[in-house]
Protein backbone atom coordinates (compact mmCIF):
# COMPACT_ATOMS: atom_id res chain seq x y z
CA MET A 1 104.40 121.78 -32.69
CA ASP A 2 104.71 125.35 -33.96
CA LYS A 3 104.85 128.34 -31.61
CA ARG A 4 101.20 129.32 -32.10
CA LYS A 5 99.92 125.82 -31.29
CA ALA A 6 102.20 125.65 -28.26
CA THR A 7 100.79 128.96 -26.98
CA ILE A 8 97.20 127.78 -27.47
CA ALA A 9 97.95 124.49 -25.72
CA LYS A 10 99.53 126.38 -22.81
CA ASP A 11 96.52 128.72 -22.56
CA LEU A 12 94.19 125.70 -22.45
CA GLY A 13 96.26 124.04 -19.73
CA VAL A 14 97.36 121.15 -21.95
CA LYS A 15 100.64 119.61 -20.85
CA PRO A 16 103.24 119.14 -23.55
CA PRO A 17 104.04 115.55 -24.47
CA THR A 18 106.48 113.85 -22.15
CA THR A 19 109.15 111.32 -22.93
CA TYR A 20 109.14 107.88 -21.37
CA ILE A 21 112.33 106.28 -20.16
CA SER A 22 113.30 102.74 -19.30
CA THR A 23 114.26 101.46 -15.86
CA PRO A 24 118.01 101.38 -16.66
CA GLU A 25 117.86 105.01 -17.86
CA ALA A 26 115.82 106.07 -14.80
CA ALA A 27 118.36 104.34 -12.56
CA ARG A 28 121.20 106.17 -14.29
CA ILE A 29 119.47 109.55 -13.92
CA ALA A 30 118.64 108.98 -10.24
CA GLY A 31 121.99 107.41 -9.39
CA LEU A 32 120.25 104.30 -8.02
CA SER A 33 120.36 100.66 -9.06
CA ILE A 34 117.93 98.91 -11.38
CA ASP A 35 117.19 96.55 -8.47
CA TRP A 36 116.20 99.54 -6.31
CA PHE A 37 113.65 100.63 -8.93
CA GLN A 38 112.27 97.08 -9.21
CA ARG A 39 111.86 96.83 -5.42
CA ALA A 40 110.34 100.32 -5.25
CA ARG A 41 107.68 99.32 -7.80
CA TRP A 42 106.85 96.23 -5.73
CA VAL A 43 106.72 98.15 -2.42
CA GLY A 44 105.08 101.21 -3.96
CA ASN A 45 107.52 103.87 -2.76
CA GLY A 46 109.21 104.77 -6.04
CA PRO A 47 108.43 107.25 -8.78
CA PRO A 48 105.24 106.92 -10.83
CA TYR A 49 105.52 104.61 -13.82
CA ILE A 50 103.42 103.14 -16.57
CA LYS A 51 103.34 99.57 -17.74
CA ILE A 52 102.51 98.55 -21.28
CA ALA A 53 102.43 94.78 -21.57
CA ARG A 54 105.71 93.81 -19.88
CA ALA A 55 107.49 97.11 -20.55
CA VAL A 56 107.90 99.51 -17.62
CA ARG A 57 108.43 103.17 -18.48
CA TYR A 58 108.85 106.26 -16.33
CA PRO A 59 107.47 109.59 -17.57
CA SER A 60 110.54 111.81 -17.47
CA ASP A 61 108.69 114.80 -16.00
CA GLU A 62 107.25 112.60 -13.19
CA LEU A 63 110.69 111.12 -12.43
CA HIS A 64 112.26 114.58 -12.17
CA SER A 65 109.37 115.83 -9.99
CA TRP A 66 109.77 112.81 -7.72
CA LEU A 67 113.50 113.50 -7.40
CA ARG A 68 112.94 117.23 -6.71
CA ALA A 69 110.46 116.35 -3.95
CA ARG A 70 113.27 114.51 -2.16
CA VAL A 71 115.74 117.39 -1.99
CA ARG A 72 116.68 118.03 1.63
CA THR A 73 118.86 120.51 3.44
CA SER A 74 119.11 118.60 6.72
CA THR A 75 119.29 114.97 7.79
CA THR A 76 116.47 115.62 10.28
CA GLU A 77 113.90 116.50 7.58
CA VAL A 78 111.20 113.90 7.03
CA VAL A 79 110.98 112.32 3.59
CA SER A 80 107.44 112.20 2.20
């Protein structure tokens, strides 16, 4: 996308395309196990994901937002 189109898209509030990553890659980025991600999908307390047929993918911007939301400065802070 050239600079002009990117500026127009930004002005219109259109999000740029995101990349989608696999569970093993998401686990590597988060420093968690693949099993943790599988359990989190089942329980519903993990990062947002999409499923196409049998393939599970995590939008990279959503994964990073989910991780940032868990940054804490004290052990007494409540995790949302």
